[in-house]
C-alpha atoms as a PDB file:
ATOM      1  CA  MET A   1     -10.258 -65.330 -32.746  1.00  0.00           C
ATOM      2  CA  ALA A   2     -13.730 -65.442 -31.294  1.00  0.00           C
ATOM      3  CA  ASN A   3     -12.723 -62.734 -28.811  1.00  0.00           C
ATOM      4  CA  GLN A   4     -12.011 -60.281 -31.593  1.00  0.00           C
ATOM      5  CA  VAL A   5     -15.410 -60.794 -33.185  1.00  0.00           C
ATOM      6  CA  ASP A   6     -17.335 -60.630 -29.907  1.00  0.00           C
ATOM      7  CA  GLY A   7     -16.246 -57.022 -29.338  1.00  0.00           C
ATOM      8  CA  PRO A   8     -14.344 -55.402 -26.495  1.00  0.00           C
ATOM      9  CA  LYS A   9     -13.783 -57.206 -23.237  1.00  0.00           C
ATOM     10  CA  LYS A  10     -16.134 -56.513 -20.377  1.00  0.00           C
ATOM     11  CA  LYS A  11     -15.003 -54.064 -17.716  1.00  0.00           C
ATOM     12  CA  ASP A  12     -14.715 -56.856 -15.152  1.00  0.00           C
ATOM     13  CA  SER A  13     -12.164 -58.700 -17.233  1.00  0.00           C
ATOM     14  CA  LEU A  14      -9.702 -55.740 -17.198  1.00  0.00           C
ATOM     15  CA  PRO A  15      -7.036 -55.571 -14.504  1.00  0.00           C
ATOM     16  CA  ARG A  16      -8.200 -53.599 -11.432  1.00  0.00           C
ATOM     17  CA  SER A  17      -5.765 -50.711 -12.039  1.00  0.00           C
ATOM     18  CA  ALA A  18      -7.116 -50.170 -15.545  1.00  0.00           C
ATOM     19  CA  SER A  19     -10.808 -50.518 -14.689  1.00  0.00           C
ATOM     20  CA  ARG A  20     -11.209 -47.901 -11.937  1.00  0.00           C
ATOM     21  CA  ARG A  21      -9.326 -45.506  -9.831  1.00  0.00           C
ATOM     22  CA  PRO A  22      -8.481 -46.478  -6.293  1.00  0.00           C
ATOM     23  CA  LYS A  23     -10.994 -45.031  -3.835  1.00  0.00           C
ATOM     24  CA  SER A  24      -8.470 -42.625  -2.336  1.00  0.00           C
ATOM     25  CA  ARG A  25      -7.820 -40.982  -5.708  1.00  0.00           C
ATOM     26  CA  ARG A  26     -11.317 -40.706  -7.084  1.00  0.00           C
ATOM     27  CA  ARG A  27     -12.712 -37.221  -7.525  1.00  0.00           C
ATOM     28  CA  ARG A  28     -15.165 -36.050  -4.944  1.00  0.00           C
ATOM     29  CA  GLY A  29     -18.225 -34.022  -5.766  1.00  0.00           C
ATOM     30  CA  LEU A  30     -19.155 -30.769  -4.032  1.00  0.00           C
ATOM     31  CA  ASN A  31     -21.743 -32.477  -1.836  1.00  0.00           C
ATOM     32  CA  GLU A  32     -19.219 -35.081  -0.730  1.00  0.00           C
ATOM     33  CA  TRP A  33     -16.747 -32.359   0.271  1.00  0.00           C
ATOM     34  CA  GLN A  34     -19.439 -30.498   2.184  1.00  0.00           C
ATOM     35  CA  ASP A  35     -20.420 -33.703   3.973  1.00  0.00           C
ATOM     36  CA  LEU A  36     -16.777 -34.429   4.832  1.00  0.00           C
ATOM     37  CA  ILE A  37     -16.198 -30.904   6.148  1.00  0.00           C
ATOM     38  CA  THR A  38     -19.414 -30.960   8.165  1.00  0.00           C
ATOM     39  CA  GLU A  39     -18.445 -34.328   9.623  1.00  0.00           C
ATOM     40  CA  GLN A  40     -14.991 -33.045  10.648  1.00  0.00           C
ATOM     41  CA  LEU A  41     -16.485 -29.899  12.196  1.00  0.00           C
ATOM     42  CA  ASP A  42     -19.019 -31.974  14.128  1.00  0.00           C
ATOM     43  CA  GLU A  43     -16.246 -34.246  15.431  1.00  0.00           C
ATOM     44  CA  ALA A  44     -14.160 -31.245  16.510  1.00  0.00           C
ATOM     45  CA  ALA A  45     -17.178 -29.677  18.247  1.00  0.00           C
ATOM     46  CA  ALA A  46     -17.888 -32.948  20.063  1.00  0.00           C
ATOM     47  CA  LYS A  47     -14.280 -33.009  21.305  1.00  0.00           C
ATOM     48  CA  GLY A  48     -14.644 -29.415  22.579  1.00  0.00           C
ATOM     49  CA  ALA A  49     -12.253 -27.783  20.106  1.00  0.00           C
ATOM     50  CA  PHE A  50     -14.461 -24.675  19.908  1.00  0.00           C
ATOM     51  CA  GLU A  51     -15.041 -24.161  23.643  1.00  0.00           C
ATOM     52  CA  ASN A  52     -12.226 -21.745  24.551  1.00  0.00           C
ATOM     53  CA  LEU A  53     -12.002 -19.537  21.487  1.00  0.00           C
ATOM     54  CA  PRO A  54     -11.181 -15.849  22.011  1.00  0.00           C
ATOM     55  CA  GLY A  55     -14.236 -13.649  21.695  1.00  0.00           C
ATOM     56  CA  LYS A  56     -16.676 -16.448  22.523  1.00  0.00           C
ATOM     57  CA  GLY A  57     -20.066 -14.980  23.324  1.00  0.00           C
ATOM     58  CA  GLN A  58     -19.076 -11.549  22.025  1.00  0.00           C
ATOM     59  CA  PRO A  59     -20.896  -9.909  19.134  1.00  0.00           C
ATOM     60  CA  LEU A  60     -19.089  -9.935  15.819  1.00  0.00           C
ATOM     61  CA  ARG A  61     -17.531  -6.623  14.852  1.00  0.00           C
ATOM     62  CA  LEU A  62     -18.910  -6.030  11.403  1.00  0.00           C
ATOM     63  CA  ASN A  63     -18.001  -2.363  11.072  1.00  0.00           C
ATOM     64  CA  ARG A  64     -18.760  -1.632   7.474  1.00  0.00           C
ATOM     65  CA  ASN A  65     -17.155   1.362   5.813  1.00  0.00           C
ATOM     66  CA  PRO A  66     -19.752   2.861   3.442  1.00  0.00           C
ATOM     67  CA  ASN A  67     -16.989   4.418   1.312  1.00  0.00           C
ATOM     68  CA  GLU A  68     -15.193   1.120   0.794  1.00  0.00           C
ATOM     69  CA  PRO A  69     -15.826  -0.656  -2.509  1.00  0.00           C
ATOM     70  CA  ASP A  70     -17.279  -4.144  -2.103  1.00  0.00           C
ATOM     71  CA  ASP A  71     -14.450  -5.735  -4.072  1.00  0.00           C
ATOM     72  CA  MET A  72     -11.832  -4.258  -1.699  1.00  0.00           C
ATOM     73  CA  ARG A  73     -13.546  -5.078   1.621  1.00  0.00           C
ATOM     74  CA  MET A  74     -11.850  -8.445   2.225  1.00  0.00           C
ATOM     75  CA  ALA A  75      -8.396  -7.214   1.203  1.00  0.00           C
ATOM     76  CA  ASN A  76      -8.660  -4.136   3.427  1.00  0.00           C
ATOM     77  CA  LYS A  77      -9.864  -6.232   6.365  1.00  0.00           C
ATOM     78  CA  LEU A  78      -6.904  -8.595   5.986  1.00  0.00           C
ATOM     79  CA  LEU A  79      -4.508  -5.659   5.865  1.00  0.00           C
ATOM     80  CA  LYS A  80      -6.108  -4.046   8.912  1.00  0.00           C
ATOM     81  CA  ASP A  81      -6.168  -7.280  10.926  1.00  0.00           C
ATOM     82  CA  ASN A  82      -2.437  -7.729  10.291  1.00  0.00           C
ATOM     83  CA  ASP A  83      -1.501  -4.098  11.040  1.00  0.00           C
ATOM     84  CA  LEU A  84      -0.565  -3.440   7.423  1.00  0.00           C
ATOM     85  CA  THR A  85      -1.523  -0.599   5.113  1.00  0.00           C
ATOM     86  CA  PRO A  86      -1.949  -0.361   1.367  1.00  0.00           C
ATOM     87  CA  THR A  87       1.264   0.781  -0.303  1.00  0.00           C
ATOM     88  CA  TRP A  88      -0.266   4.045  -1.498  1.00  0.00           C
ATOM     89  CA  ILE A  89      -0.958   5.082   2.107  1.00  0.00           C
ATOM     90  CA  GLY A  90       2.634   4.407   3.155  1.00  0.00           C
ATOM     91  CA  ASP A  91       3.965   6.156   0.046  1.00  0.00           C
ATOM     92  CA  ARG A  92       1.714   9.161   0.681  1.00  0.00           C
ATOM     93  CA  LYS A  93       2.827   9.439   4.323  1.00  0.00           C
ATOM     94  CA  ALA A  94       6.494   9.181   3.317  1.00  0.00           C
ATOM     95  CA  LEU A  95       6.061  11.846   0.656  1.00  0.00           C
ATOM     96  CA  LEU A  96       4.249  14.187   3.061  1.00  0.00           C
ATOM     97  CA  SER A  97       7.044  13.806   5.613  1.00  0.00           C
ATOM     98  CA  GLU A  98       9.677  14.551   2.944  1.00  0.00           C
ATOM     99  CA  ILE A  99       7.754  17.672   1.910  1.00  0.00           C
ATOM    100  CA  GLU A 100       7.611  18.746   5.552  1.00  0.00           C
ATOM    101  CA  LEU A 101      11.370  18.144   5.910  1.00  0.00           C
ATOM    102  CA  LEU A 102      12.035  20.281   2.829  1.00  0.00           C
ATOM    103  CA  ARG A 103       9.848  23.086   4.179  1.00  0.00           C
ATOM    104  CA  THR A 104      11.541  22.930   7.581  1.00  0.00           C
ATOM    105  CA  GLU A 105      14.978  23.020   5.948  1.00  0.00           C
ATOM    106  CA  MET A 106      13.981  25.968   3.753  1.00  0.00           C
ATOM    107  CA  GLU A 107      12.683  27.907   6.741  1.00  0.00           C
ATOM    108  CA  ARG A 108      15.768  27.119   8.826  1.00  0.00           C
ATOM    109  CA  ARG A 109      18.114  28.045   5.986  1.00  0.00           C
ATOM    110  CA  TRP A 110      16.246  31.305   5.350  1.00  0.00           C
ATOM    111  CA  GLU A 111      16.482  32.317   9.016  1.00  0.00           C
ATOM    112  CA  LEU A 112      20.220  31.523   9.164  1.00  0.00           C
ATOM    113  CA  THR A 113      20.990  33.303   5.887  1.00  0.00           C
ATOM    114  CA  ARG A 114      18.989  36.393   6.797  1.00  0.00           C
ATOM    115  CA  ALA A 115      20.499  36.618  10.297  1.00  0.00           C
ATOM    116  CA  GLY A 116      24.009  36.040   8.937  1.00  0.00           C
ATOM    117  CA  ALA A 117      23.619  38.661   6.209  1.00  0.00           C
ATOM    118  CA  GLU A 118      22.367  41.254   8.686  1.00  0.00           C
ATOM    119  CA  ALA A 119      25.343  40.634  10.969  1.00  0.00           C
ATOM    120  CA  ALA A 120      27.943  40.365   8.190  1.00  0.00           C
ATOM    121  CA  GLY A 121      27.817  43.861   6.789  1.00  0.00           C
ATOM    122  CA  ASN A 122      30.432  43.714   3.977  1.00  0.00           C
ATOM    123  CA  GLU A 123      30.090  39.935   3.513  1.00  0.00           C
ATOM    124  CA  ARG A 124      26.444  40.104   2.426  1.00  0.00           C
ATOM    125  CA  GLU A 125      27.269  39.049  -1.127  1.00  0.00           C
ATOM    126  CA  ALA A 126      28.662  35.720   0.114  1.00  0.00           C
ATOM    127  CA  PHE A 127      25.371  35.065   1.902  1.00  0.00           C
ATOM    128  CA  ALA A 128      23.434  36.006  -1.250  1.00  0.00           C
ATOM    129  CA  ARG A 129      25.500  33.492  -3.296  1.00  0.00           C
ATOM    130  CA  SER A 130      24.911  30.822  -0.674  1.00  0.00           C
ATOM    131  CA  TRP A 131      21.184  31.602  -0.761  1.00  0.00           C
ATOM    132  CA  ARG A 132      21.071  31.279  -4.560  1.00  0.00           C
ATOM    133  CA  ARG A 133      22.848  27.889  -4.308  1.00  0.00           C
ATOM    134  CA  SER A 134      20.223  26.778  -1.799  1.00  0.00           C
ATOM    135  CA  ILE A 135      17.476  27.940  -4.184  1.00  0.00           C
ATOM    136  CA  SER A 136      19.052  25.889  -6.978  1.00  0.00           C
ATOM    137  CA  ASP A 137      19.228  22.796  -4.739  1.00  0.00           C
ATOM    138  CA  TRP A 138      15.590  23.213  -3.739  1.00  0.00           C
ATOM    139  CA  GLU A 139      14.507  23.555  -7.355  1.00  0.00           C
ATOM    140  CA  THR A 140      16.071  20.155  -8.028  1.00  0.00           C
ATOM    141  CA  GLN A 141      14.498  18.627  -4.916  1.00  0.00           C
ATOM    142  CA  ILE A 142      11.081  20.054  -5.818  1.00  0.00           C
ATOM    143  CA  GLU A 143      11.332  18.635  -9.349  1.00  0.00           C
ATOM    144  CA  GLU A 144      12.040  15.176  -7.904  1.00  0.00           C
ATOM    145  CA  LEU A 145       9.248  15.471  -5.351  1.00  0.00           C
ATOM    146  CA  ASN A 146       6.825  16.611  -8.059  1.00  0.00           C
ATOM    147  CA  LYS A 147       7.633  13.522 -10.150  1.00  0.00           C
ATOM    148  CA  ARG A 148       6.879  11.346  -7.152  1.00  0.00           C
ATOM    149  CA  ILE A 149       3.698  13.322  -6.415  1.00  0.00           C
ATOM    150  CA  VAL A 150       2.445  12.711  -9.966  1.00  0.00           C
ATOM    151  CA  ASN A 151       3.222   8.974  -9.686  1.00  0.00           C
ATOM    152  CA  LEU A 152       1.502   8.794  -6.312  1.00  0.00           C
ATOM    153  CA  ASN A 153      -1.578  10.685  -7.523  1.00  0.00           C
ATOM    154  CA  ILE A 154      -1.953   8.207 -10.383  1.00  0.00           C
ATOM    155  CA  SER A 155      -2.021   5.291  -7.933  1.00  0.00           C
ATOM    156  CA  LEU A 156      -4.509   6.792  -5.464  1.00  0.00           C
ATOM    157  CA  PRO A 157      -7.958   5.203  -5.424  1.00  0.00           C
ATOM    158  CA  ILE A 158      -9.528   8.393  -4.004  1.00  0.00           C
ATOM    159  CA  TRP A 159      -9.011  11.629  -5.915  1.00  0.00           C
ATOM    160  CA  ARG A 160      -9.502  13.733  -2.767  1.00  0.00           C
ATOM    161  CA  MET A 161      -6.259  12.269  -1.411  1.00  0.00           C
ATOM    162  CA  GLU A 162      -4.174  13.695  -4.252  1.00  0.00           C
ATOM    163  CA  LEU A 163      -1.277  15.959  -3.344  1.00  0.00           C
ATOM    164  CA  ARG A 164      -0.695  19.296  -5.004  1.00  0.00           C
ATOM    165  CA  ARG A 165       2.550  19.712  -6.857  1.00  0.00           C
ATOM    166  CA  LEU A 166       5.048  22.013  -5.207  1.00  0.00           C
ATOM    167  CA  ARG A 167       6.083  25.364  -6.638  1.00  0.00           C
ATOM    168  CA  LEU A 168       9.276  27.019  -5.465  1.00  0.00           C
ATOM    169  CA  ASP A 169       7.749  30.513  -5.546  1.00  0.00           C
ATOM    170  CA  GLU A 170       4.893  29.401  -3.277  1.00  0.00           C
ATOM    171  CA  GLU A 171       7.274  27.649  -0.888  1.00  0.00           C
ATOM    172  CA  LEU A 172       9.478  30.752  -0.652  1.00  0.00           C
ATOM    173  CA  LYS A 173       6.418  32.929  -0.110  1.00  0.00           C
ATOM    174  CA  ARG A 174       5.335  30.592   2.702  1.00  0.00           C
ATOM    175  CA  ILE A 175       8.549  31.405   4.619  1.00  0.00           C
ATOM    176  CA  GLY A 176       8.621  35.087   3.619  1.00  0.00           C
ATOM    177  CA  ALA A 177      11.663  34.794   1.333  1.00  0.00           C
ATOM    178  CA  THR A 178      12.468  35.674  -2.275  1.00  0.00           C
ATOM    179  CA  LYS A 179      14.645  34.003  -4.880  1.00  0.00           C
ATOM    180  CA  GLY A 180      17.130  36.816  -4.827  1.00  0.00           C
ATOM    181  CA  ASP A 181      17.811  36.836  -8.585  1.00  0.00           C
ATOM    182  CA  GLY A 182      19.282  40.190  -9.434  1.00  0.00           C
ATOM    183  CA  GLU A 183      18.257  41.692  -6.125  1.00  0.00           C
ATOM    184  CA  SER A 184      19.164  41.143  -2.540  1.00  0.00           C
ATOM    185  CA  PRO A 185      17.048  38.358  -1.042  1.00  0.00           C
ATOM    186  CA  TRP A 186      16.550  40.412   2.119  1.00  0.00           C
END
């Protein structure tokens, strides 16, 4: 009963597991970690682990892009070092190539339709119908591309990289063609 009156037991009287953590599990302070890391680096240097590193004796390449935000520098360097690009760059390139494919197809189709209509004589109306079907298909393709252009433009970090939305009239004008509604396209 005297133990209860005397107060709590001293720390030394508790079992070892209850009194303190084992040394391997105790928390280390920042200085202890720095000392440990420095010690390991010194040991590795003494063993010659840093003697044959690529680029030894060469100046560091610290090419700094003045247009790059500070918070993106590390991420962009990691991407560049691993031959990767931000998704918006890949998406923009893919979209530009699809636009170029559409323009090439429109130009090719216009040349074929015009040449065929000139050679056909009486069959010109069939070529005009085919041309109007192509126009309808391109309107649908341009609508889809424009949706993707808007989504891409929203994700771009640089407004100067934005793509202009496509307009069918402008694309036809680019190749010297008309829609052909109500009139002959040639």
